[in-house]
Amino acid sequence: MSFSGEIKKELAERAGAGRHCRLAELSAIISFAGNISLVEGGVRLRAGTEHALLGHKYRLLLSLLFGLQEPEGGLMGDTALKVLESIKMWDKKDMCFCNTETVDGLLIQQPCCKRAFIRGAFLASGSLSDPRKAYHFEIVCHTAAQALQLKNTINSFGMDAKTVARKKNQVVYVKEGANIVDLLNIMEAHGALLDLENVRIVKEMRNAVNRKVNCETANISKTVGAAVRQIEDIHFIKNKKGLESLPDNLKEIAVLRLEYPDAPLKELGTYLSPPVGKSGVNHRLRRISEIAAELGAKGRGEKIS
């Protein structure tokens, strides 16, 4: 099962303790995945029948809220209207439908109800990419108004959800691992949250190791490259005028560099008598490079690290 599937499996079994939270989640499911139609015999309401986990949650909420069992063809007539009236999508007094594009704001005033609403929206139309590859959480919305309501609800928890148009739909999305962890906590998907945190820890450790290895590799390459240039300069001077032409301190370091071609500067300094620090060795080798340049060596005279 995909990571999204695991989250939905966990959320499908979670129902808010209060009736108000259950109504908020039911309203999200019907708003995002419901189908309200007029058929012979009156109004028919169906939701979540094509997705097993969503269908399970929808039927669970119907049972907890109304003691209903959804027939195979969906809820019909007065039963359907009763459910729609409870989530403020049907006005019994005026015998007309209310706004079904967004959820009535009265249903998602409290933080617990907002959590339930986001949970229902994710179950109905959300997905989360495999965190081992990328961090991307999204919920597909039918309209701009629906996307705006969902985005504002998510952001009321201090998040930074954004929207983007995709074909005929609007998508509310959240990126960055830490933000998605917070969002899973908001939806109360605590098991998935722990799984994601484990993935994040492994990825961060792997990235840290890779950065360190890359840095060390770069330093080694830089050191080797500098040593090669130093040896080329010393051979150039040796062939041009002989190492005897160098001052004693430069001659001494030149002979040591030829004897220990792979040694770092700090180690070379320990072979001198008296020992010299890294900066002192670097200064002498830089002076040798300058002399090689004066004698006609091309590309010499640059600073040696």
Foldseek 3Di string as FASTA:
>chain_A
DFLLVVLLQLLLPDADPDLLLLLLLLLLQCLQFWDWDADVQGIFIDGDPVPPSLNSSNQVSCCVNPVDGADPRGDGDPRVLVSCVSQQQADPVVGDGDDSNAGPPVSQPDLSNLLSNLSSQCSRAKGFHRVLVFGKIKGKGQDPVRLVVNQVSLCVVVADWDWDDDVRIIMIMHGDLVRVLVSSVSNPSVVSSVVSVVSVVVVVVVVVVVVVVVVVVVVLVLQLVLLVLLLVLLVLCCVQPRLVPDPPVLSQLNVLCVVPSNDQQQVSQVPDVVRDGSVVSQVSSLVSQVVSVVSPDPPTNDRRD
